[in-house]
Amino acid sequence: MTRRFFIAAARAVAFGFTVASLPVGCGAPSAKQSGFLEDYSRLNRPEDGGPASFTDSSADLGAFDRVLVEPIQIIFTDDAQAQRADAAEVRALADEFRAELERLLGGERQLVESRAPGVLVVRGALTDARRTTAILNVHPATKLSGAGLGWAAAEIEAIDGGTGRRVYAYMDRREGNRLRIAEGLAEWGHAREVLKEFAAEVARGLAPPLPSAAGAHAEGERP
């Protein structure tokens, strides 16, 4: 048990009744612009509150056979709680986020280390993260209140390595899932969970188009 855990436990006992009375599902604050993306005007956020994103409909994602995932920057929004966190821990989160992006994007394209024509360049920033308060995710009352949930926020864009043209952008801030036990007991469990979700959504957004049925049929008929 760490000293930080015992401090959190003492606070939970002192304010237990107050925390238990919090409304359920207060959630993470909505995503705020950090300034990492040069242009936010073309981001579209669905009515259900999902991530804001942009895809250049004229871009041919199938033309990129390689991918470069640049080191994730740390650019906090003005209200970011991560500004008060240990810098090394936040850096570790950003590095894990990059590794997950490389794992997922590298399944469709060859990973490379430099920009060039035909390379899809993925760059991003971790803009906020909040620790999970494990003690508040043990008791049912405080667990349901969401008071112990951690969260993460990030901005991502993909550009053409040859022209510098942006073909995709993504921005979101999300809290962890209160029903996941392991993540709720780890200090940065929810933040890691959310960043993995972001990486999976970005990978889906950048997936090369599947060949059409007609094209696949014609390919199979070649001598």
C-alpha atoms as a PDB file:
ATOM      1  CA  MET A   1       0.000   0.000   0.000  1.00  0.00           C
ATOM      2  CA  THR A   2       1.358   3.429  -0.864  1.00  0.00           C
ATOM      3  CA  ARG A   3       1.263   6.532   1.280  1.00  0.00           C
ATOM      4  CA  ARG A   4      -0.962   8.147  -1.339  1.00  0.00           C
ATOM      5  CA  PHE A   5      -3.469   5.310  -0.978  1.00  0.00           C
ATOM      6  CA  PHE A   6      -3.724   5.790   2.811  1.00  0.00           C
ATOM      7  CA  ILE A   7      -4.149   9.539   2.395  1.00  0.00           C
ATOM      8  CA  ALA A   8      -6.994   8.907  -0.062  1.00  0.00           C
ATOM      9  CA  ALA A   9      -8.555   6.440   2.364  1.00  0.00           C
ATOM     10  CA  ALA A  10      -8.470   8.959   5.210  1.00  0.00           C
ATOM     11  CA  ARG A  11     -10.120  11.570   3.057  1.00  0.00           C
ATOM     12  CA  ALA A  12     -12.753   9.085   1.971  1.00  0.00           C
ATOM     13  CA  VAL A  13     -13.625   8.311   5.592  1.00  0.00           C
ATOM     14  CA  ALA A  14     -13.748  11.983   6.535  1.00  0.00           C
ATOM     15  CA  PHE A  15     -16.011  12.900   3.658  1.00  0.00           C
ATOM     16  CA  GLY A  16     -17.760   9.583   3.088  1.00  0.00           C
ATOM     17  CA  PHE A  17     -21.289  10.797   3.630  1.00  0.00           C
ATOM     18  CA  THR A  18     -20.796  13.790   1.390  1.00  0.00           C
ATOM     19  CA  VAL A  19     -19.301  11.718  -1.421  1.00  0.00           C
ATOM     20  CA  ALA A  20     -22.039   9.102  -1.174  1.00  0.00           C
ATOM     21  CA  SER A  21     -24.614  11.812  -1.784  1.00  0.00           C
ATOM     22  CA  LEU A  22     -23.017  12.942  -5.053  1.00  0.00           C
ATOM     23  CA  PRO A  23     -25.191  12.502  -8.175  1.00  0.00           C
ATOM     24  CA  VAL A  24     -24.493   9.423 -10.267  1.00  0.00           C
ATOM     25  CA  GLY A  25     -22.705   9.897 -13.557  1.00  0.00           C
ATOM     26  CA  CYS A  26     -21.325  13.421 -13.124  1.00  0.00           C
ATOM     27  CA  GLY A  27     -18.655  12.376 -15.651  1.00  0.00           C
ATOM     28  CA  ALA A  28     -15.474  13.953 -16.897  1.00  0.00           C
ATOM     29  CA  PRO A  29     -15.606  17.546 -18.137  1.00  0.00           C
ATOM     30  CA  SER A  30     -16.202  17.869 -21.850  1.00  0.00           C
ATOM     31  CA  ALA A  31     -13.144  18.022 -24.070  1.00  0.00           C
ATOM     32  CA  LYS A  32     -11.456  21.403 -24.331  1.00  0.00           C
ATOM     33  CA  GLN A  33      -9.081  22.620 -26.997  1.00  0.00           C
ATOM     34  CA  SER A  34      -5.426  22.553 -25.987  1.00  0.00           C
ATOM     35  CA  GLY A  35      -4.047  24.299 -29.044  1.00  0.00           C
ATOM     36  CA  PHE A  36      -2.294  21.167 -30.300  1.00  0.00           C
ATOM     37  CA  LEU A  37      -4.461  20.960 -33.409  1.00  0.00           C
ATOM     38  CA  GLU A  38      -4.043  23.898 -35.742  1.00  0.00           C
ATOM     39  CA  ASP A  39      -7.675  23.776 -36.869  1.00  0.00           C
ATOM     40  CA  TYR A  40     -10.635  22.694 -34.744  1.00  0.00           C
ATOM     41  CA  SER A  41     -13.320  24.160 -36.977  1.00  0.00           C
ATOM     42  CA  ARG A  42     -13.848  21.001 -39.035  1.00  0.00           C
ATOM     43  CA  LEU A  43     -14.215  18.619 -36.103  1.00  0.00           C
ATOM     44  CA  ASN A  44     -17.687  17.119 -35.843  1.00  0.00           C
ATOM     45  CA  ARG A  45     -19.096  15.874 -32.540  1.00  0.00           C
ATOM     46  CA  PRO A  46     -22.124  13.559 -32.683  1.00  0.00           C
ATOM     47  CA  GLU A  47     -25.246  14.458 -30.742  1.00  0.00           C
ATOM     48  CA  ASP A  48     -24.725  11.548 -28.351  1.00  0.00           C
ATOM     49  CA  GLY A  49     -21.580  13.228 -27.032  1.00  0.00           C
ATOM     50  CA  GLY A  50     -19.032  10.920 -28.653  1.00  0.00           C
ATOM     51  CA  PRO A  51     -15.555  12.007 -29.755  1.00  0.00           C
ATOM     52  CA  ALA A  52     -15.115  14.959 -32.081  1.00  0.00           C
ATOM     53  CA  SER A  53     -13.481  13.889 -35.314  1.00  0.00           C
ATOM     54  CA  PHE A  54     -12.751  14.835 -38.899  1.00  0.00           C
ATOM     55  CA  THR A  55     -12.022  12.665 -41.920  1.00  0.00           C
ATOM     56  CA  ASP A  56     -11.034  14.114 -45.267  1.00  0.00           C
ATOM     57  CA  SER A  57     -13.463  12.340 -47.552  1.00  0.00           C
ATOM     58  CA  SER A  58     -11.269  13.012 -50.577  1.00  0.00           C
ATOM     59  CA  ALA A  59      -8.231  11.312 -49.058  1.00  0.00           C
ATOM     60  CA  ASP A  60      -7.381   7.777 -50.112  1.00  0.00           C
ATOM     61  CA  LEU A  61      -6.341   6.017 -46.903  1.00  0.00           C
ATOM     62  CA  GLY A  62      -5.533   2.939 -48.945  1.00  0.00           C
ATOM     63  CA  ALA A  63      -2.676   4.838 -50.589  1.00  0.00           C
ATOM     64  CA  PHE A  64      -0.666   4.788 -47.355  1.00  0.00           C
ATOM     65  CA  ASP A  65       1.222   1.525 -46.947  1.00  0.00           C
ATOM     66  CA  ARG A  66       3.402   2.738 -44.054  1.00  0.00           C
ATOM     67  CA  VAL A  67       2.727   4.564 -40.799  1.00  0.00           C
ATOM     68  CA  LEU A  68       4.793   6.691 -38.459  1.00  0.00           C
ATOM     69  CA  VAL A  69       3.507   7.316 -34.933  1.00  0.00           C
ATOM     70  CA  GLU A  70       5.412  10.273 -33.547  1.00  0.00           C
ATOM     71  CA  PRO A  71       6.082  10.628 -29.790  1.00  0.00           C
ATOM     72  CA  ILE A  72       2.963  11.810 -27.983  1.00  0.00           C
ATOM     73  CA  GLN A  73       3.282  15.371 -26.763  1.00  0.00           C
ATOM     74  CA  ILE A  74       1.977  16.579 -23.408  1.00  0.00           C
ATOM     75  CA  ILE A  75       0.021  19.802 -23.833  1.00  0.00           C
ATOM     76  CA  PHE A  76      -2.327  20.492 -20.950  1.00  0.00           C
ATOM     77  CA  THR A  77      -5.571  22.405 -21.232  1.00  0.00           C
ATOM     78  CA  ASP A  78      -5.947  25.289 -18.771  1.00  0.00           C
ATOM     79  CA  ASP A  79      -8.044  23.222 -16.348  1.00  0.00           C
ATOM     80  CA  ALA A  80      -6.082  19.960 -16.672  1.00  0.00           C
ATOM     81  CA  GLN A  81      -5.821  18.037 -13.418  1.00  0.00           C
ATOM     82  CA  ALA A  82      -2.712  16.302 -14.736  1.00  0.00           C
ATOM     83  CA  GLN A  83      -0.780  19.536 -14.187  1.00  0.00           C
ATOM     84  CA  ARG A  84      -0.655  18.544 -10.503  1.00  0.00           C
ATOM     85  CA  ALA A  85       0.446  14.964 -11.199  1.00  0.00           C
ATOM     86  CA  ASP A  86       3.963  13.571 -11.239  1.00  0.00           C
ATOM     87  CA  ALA A  87       5.519  14.470 -14.605  1.00  0.00           C
ATOM     88  CA  ALA A  88       7.177  11.064 -14.992  1.00  0.00           C
ATOM     89  CA  GLU A  89       3.858   9.275 -14.475  1.00  0.00           C
ATOM     90  CA  VAL A  90       2.126  11.439 -17.068  1.00  0.00           C
ATOM     91  CA  ARG A  91       5.005  10.853 -19.493  1.00  0.00           C
ATOM     92  CA  ALA A  92       4.617   7.112 -18.967  1.00  0.00           C
ATOM     93  CA  LEU A  93       0.917   7.366 -19.867  1.00  0.00           C
ATOM     94  CA  ALA A  94       1.781   9.211 -23.079  1.00  0.00           C
ATOM     95  CA  ASP A  95       4.412   6.618 -24.003  1.00  0.00           C
ATOM     96  CA  GLU A  96       1.975   3.755 -23.381  1.00  0.00           C
ATOM     97  CA  PHE A  97      -0.578   5.541 -25.554  1.00  0.00           C
ATOM     98  CA  ARG A  98       1.935   5.760 -28.385  1.00  0.00           C
ATOM     99  CA  ALA A  99       2.834   2.085 -28.009  1.00  0.00           C
ATOM    100  CA  GLU A 100      -0.843   1.113 -28.258  1.00  0.00           C
ATOM    101  CA  LEU A 101      -1.287   3.231 -31.373  1.00  0.00           C
ATOM    102  CA  GLU A 102       1.758   1.579 -32.932  1.00  0.00           C
ATOM    103  CA  ARG A 103       0.466  -1.881 -32.031  1.00  0.00           C
ATOM    104  CA  LEU A 104      -2.921  -1.278 -33.641  1.00  0.00           C
ATOM    105  CA  LEU A 105      -1.862   0.791 -36.646  1.00  0.00           C
ATOM    106  CA  GLY A 106       1.097  -1.465 -37.315  1.00  0.00           C
ATOM    107  CA  GLY A 107      -1.277  -4.339 -37.916  1.00  0.00           C
ATOM    108  CA  GLU A 108      -2.440  -2.727 -41.168  1.00  0.00           C
ATOM    109  CA  ARG A 109       0.684  -0.896 -42.300  1.00  0.00           C
ATOM    110  CA  GLN A 110       4.445  -1.145 -41.961  1.00  0.00           C
ATOM    111  CA  LEU A 111       5.798   0.918 -39.059  1.00  0.00           C
ATOM    112  CA  VAL A 112       8.537   3.351 -40.096  1.00  0.00           C
ATOM    113  CA  GLU A 113      10.610   6.009 -38.335  1.00  0.00           C
ATOM    114  CA  SER A 114      10.580   8.938 -40.761  1.00  0.00           C
ATOM    115  CA  ARG A 115       8.195  10.937 -42.913  1.00  0.00           C
ATOM    116  CA  ALA A 116       8.019  10.296 -46.642  1.00  0.00           C
ATOM    117  CA  PRO A 117       5.446  10.067 -49.439  1.00  0.00           C
ATOM    118  CA  GLY A 118       3.149   7.116 -48.823  1.00  0.00           C
ATOM    119  CA  VAL A 119       3.647   7.374 -45.051  1.00  0.00           C
ATOM    120  CA  LEU A 120       0.671   8.160 -42.816  1.00  0.00           C
ATOM    121  CA  VAL A 121       2.025  10.334 -40.015  1.00  0.00           C
ATOM    122  CA  VAL A 122       0.101  10.090 -36.759  1.00  0.00           C
ATOM    123  CA  ARG A 123       0.835  12.721 -34.143  1.00  0.00           C
ATOM    124  CA  GLY A 124      -0.961  13.422 -30.906  1.00  0.00           C
ATOM    125  CA  ALA A 125      -1.067  15.079 -27.517  1.00  0.00           C
ATOM    126  CA  LEU A 126      -2.166  13.946 -24.081  1.00  0.00           C
ATOM    127  CA  THR A 127      -4.108  16.970 -22.856  1.00  0.00           C
ATOM    128  CA  ASP A 128      -5.350  15.789 -19.446  1.00  0.00           C
ATOM    129  CA  ALA A 129      -5.527  12.773 -17.150  1.00  0.00           C
ATOM    130  CA  ARG A 130      -6.875  12.187 -13.681  1.00  0.00           C
ATOM    131  CA  ARG A 131      -5.838   9.463 -11.277  1.00  0.00           C
ATOM    132  CA  THR A 132      -8.283   6.822 -10.180  1.00  0.00           C
ATOM    133  CA  THR A 133      -9.143   7.114  -6.463  1.00  0.00           C
ATOM    134  CA  ALA A 134      -9.160   3.412  -5.640  1.00  0.00           C
ATOM    135  CA  ILE A 135     -10.754   3.666  -2.191  1.00  0.00           C
ATOM    136  CA  LEU A 136     -13.809   5.368  -3.690  1.00  0.00           C
ATOM    137  CA  ASN A 137     -14.309   2.475  -6.120  1.00  0.00           C
ATOM    138  CA  VAL A 138     -14.635  -0.145  -3.381  1.00  0.00           C
ATOM    139  CA  HIS A 139     -17.778   0.865  -1.487  1.00  0.00           C
ATOM    140  CA  PRO A 140     -20.937   0.541  -3.637  1.00  0.00           C
ATOM    141  CA  ALA A 141     -22.236   4.004  -2.732  1.00  0.00           C
ATOM    142  CA  THR A 142     -19.098   5.871  -3.708  1.00  0.00           C
ATOM    143  CA  LYS A 143     -18.450   3.577  -6.679  1.00  0.00           C
ATOM    144  CA  LEU A 144     -21.866   4.364  -8.165  1.00  0.00           C
ATOM    145  CA  SER A 145     -21.391   8.080  -7.592  1.00  0.00           C
ATOM    146  CA  GLY A 146     -18.439   8.063  -9.999  1.00  0.00           C
ATOM    147  CA  ALA A 147     -16.412  10.160  -7.568  1.00  0.00           C
ATOM    148  CA  GLY A 148     -13.407   7.827  -7.821  1.00  0.00           C
ATOM    149  CA  LEU A 149     -13.266   7.564 -11.581  1.00  0.00           C
ATOM    150  CA  GLY A 150     -10.176   8.678 -13.454  1.00  0.00           C
ATOM    151  CA  TRP A 151     -10.183  10.032 -16.976  1.00  0.00           C
ATOM    152  CA  ALA A 152      -8.003  11.001 -19.898  1.00  0.00           C
ATOM    153  CA  ALA A 153      -8.151  13.485 -22.762  1.00  0.00           C
ATOM    154  CA  ALA A 154      -6.226  13.532 -26.010  1.00  0.00           C
ATOM    155  CA  GLU A 155      -6.018  15.076 -29.451  1.00  0.00           C
ATOM    156  CA  ILE A 156      -4.775  13.149 -32.494  1.00  0.00           C
ATOM    157  CA  GLU A 157      -4.269  13.946 -36.145  1.00  0.00           C
ATOM    158  CA  ALA A 158      -2.990  12.067 -39.163  1.00  0.00           C
ATOM    159  CA  ILE A 159      -1.239  13.790 -42.033  1.00  0.00           C
ATOM    160  CA  ASP A 160       0.126  12.824 -45.412  1.00  0.00           C
ATOM    161  CA  GLY A 161       3.870  12.300 -44.969  1.00  0.00           C
ATOM    162  CA  GLY A 162       4.526  13.613 -48.456  1.00  0.00           C
ATOM    163  CA  THR A 163       2.359  16.725 -48.630  1.00  0.00           C
ATOM    164  CA  GLY A 164       1.642  17.564 -44.985  1.00  0.00           C
ATOM    165  CA  ARG A 165      -2.072  17.580 -45.692  1.00  0.00           C
ATOM    166  CA  ARG A 166      -4.278  16.599 -42.766  1.00  0.00           C
ATOM    167  CA  VAL A 167      -6.505  13.623 -43.524  1.00  0.00           C
ATOM    168  CA  TYR A 168      -7.899  12.841 -40.070  1.00  0.00           C
ATOM    169  CA  ALA A 169      -8.322  14.421 -36.631  1.00  0.00           C
ATOM    170  CA  TYR A 170      -9.749  13.242 -33.302  1.00  0.00           C
ATOM    171  CA  MET A 171     -10.396  14.835 -29.897  1.00  0.00           C
ATOM    172  CA  ASP A 172     -12.077  13.505 -26.770  1.00  0.00           C
ATOM    173  CA  ARG A 173     -12.064  13.501 -22.990  1.00  0.00           C
ATOM    174  CA  ARG A 174     -13.608  10.460 -21.292  1.00  0.00           C
ATOM    175  CA  GLU A 175     -13.905   8.911 -17.865  1.00  0.00           C
ATOM    176  CA  GLY A 176     -13.255   5.253 -17.109  1.00  0.00           C
ATOM    177  CA  ASN A 177     -15.871   2.552 -16.813  1.00  0.00           C
ATOM    178  CA  ARG A 178     -17.061   2.232 -13.221  1.00  0.00           C
ATOM    179  CA  LEU A 179     -17.954  -1.438 -13.770  1.00  0.00           C
ATOM    180  CA  ARG A 180     -14.376  -2.520 -14.475  1.00  0.00           C
ATOM    181  CA  ILE A 181     -12.894  -3.671 -11.206  1.00  0.00           C
ATOM    182  CA  ALA A 182      -9.166  -3.895 -11.970  1.00  0.00           C
ATOM    183  CA  GLU A 183      -8.996  -0.450 -13.574  1.00  0.00           C
ATOM    184  CA  GLY A 184     -10.879   1.040 -10.638  1.00  0.00           C
ATOM    185  CA  LEU A 185      -8.239  -0.184  -8.185  1.00  0.00           C
ATOM    186  CA  ALA A 186      -5.129   0.915 -10.114  1.00  0.00           C
ATOM    187  CA  GLU A 187      -3.865   4.463  -9.703  1.00  0.00           C
ATOM    188  CA  TRP A 188      -3.937   5.285 -13.419  1.00  0.00           C
ATOM    189  CA  GLY A 189      -6.181   2.356 -14.384  1.00  0.00           C
ATOM    190  CA  HIS A 190      -9.036   4.387 -15.814  1.00  0.00           C
ATOM    191  CA  ALA A 191      -6.739   6.744 -17.724  1.00  0.00           C
ATOM    192  CA  ARG A 192      -4.969   3.778 -19.330  1.00  0.00           C
ATOM    193  CA  GLU A 193      -8.323   2.180 -20.169  1.00  0.00           C
ATOM    194  CA  VAL A 194      -9.560   5.362 -21.862  1.00  0.00           C
ATOM    195  CA  LEU A 195      -6.367   5.882 -23.842  1.00  0.00           C
ATOM    196  CA  LYS A 196      -6.633   2.325 -25.161  1.00  0.00           C
ATOM    197  CA  GLU A 197     -10.185   3.111 -26.261  1.00  0.00           C
ATOM    198  CA  PHE A 198      -8.959   6.264 -28.014  1.00  0.00           C
ATOM    199  CA  ALA A 199      -6.245   4.270 -29.802  1.00  0.00           C
ATOM    200  CA  ALA A 200      -8.774   1.668 -30.976  1.00  0.00           C
ATOM    201  CA  GLU A 201     -11.119   4.361 -32.305  1.00  0.00           C
ATOM    202  CA  VAL A 202      -8.309   6.166 -34.114  1.00  0.00           C
ATOM    203  CA  ALA A 203      -7.159   2.871 -35.643  1.00  0.00           C
ATOM    204  CA  ARG A 204     -10.681   2.211 -36.926  1.00  0.00           C
ATOM    205  CA  GLY A 205     -10.861   5.708 -38.350  1.00  0.00           C
ATOM    206  CA  LEU A 206      -7.583   5.242 -40.217  1.00  0.00           C
ATOM    207  CA  ALA A 207      -8.141   1.671 -41.392  1.00  0.00           C
ATOM    208  CA  PRO A 208      -7.506   1.176 -45.135  1.00  0.00           C
ATOM    209  CA  PRO A 209     -10.739   0.629 -47.059  1.00  0.00           C
ATOM    210  CA  LEU A 210     -11.653  -2.958 -47.717  1.00  0.00           C
ATOM    211  CA  PRO A 211     -11.508  -4.016 -51.377  1.00  0.00           C
ATOM    212  CA  SER A 212     -14.894  -4.055 -53.048  1.00  0.00           C
ATOM    213  CA  ALA A 213     -16.505  -7.383 -53.788  1.00  0.00           C
ATOM    214  CA  ALA A 214     -16.279  -6.686 -57.515  1.00  0.00           C
ATOM    215  CA  GLY A 215     -12.590  -5.776 -57.252  1.00  0.00           C
ATOM    216  CA  ALA A 216     -11.791  -8.854 -55.206  1.00  0.00           C
ATOM    217  CA  HIS A 217     -13.654 -11.043 -57.711  1.00  0.00           C
ATOM    218  CA  ALA A 218     -11.753  -9.528 -60.637  1.00  0.00           C
ATOM    219  CA  GLU A 219      -8.443 -10.027 -58.822  1.00  0.00           C
ATOM    220  CA  GLY A 220      -9.269 -13.678 -58.321  1.00  0.00           C
ATOM    221  CA  GLU A 221      -9.973 -14.145 -62.028  1.00  0.00           C
ATOM    222  CA  ARG A 222      -6.547 -12.943 -63.190  1.00  0.00           C
ATOM    223  CA  PRO A 223      -4.481 -15.697 -64.822  1.00  0.00           C
END
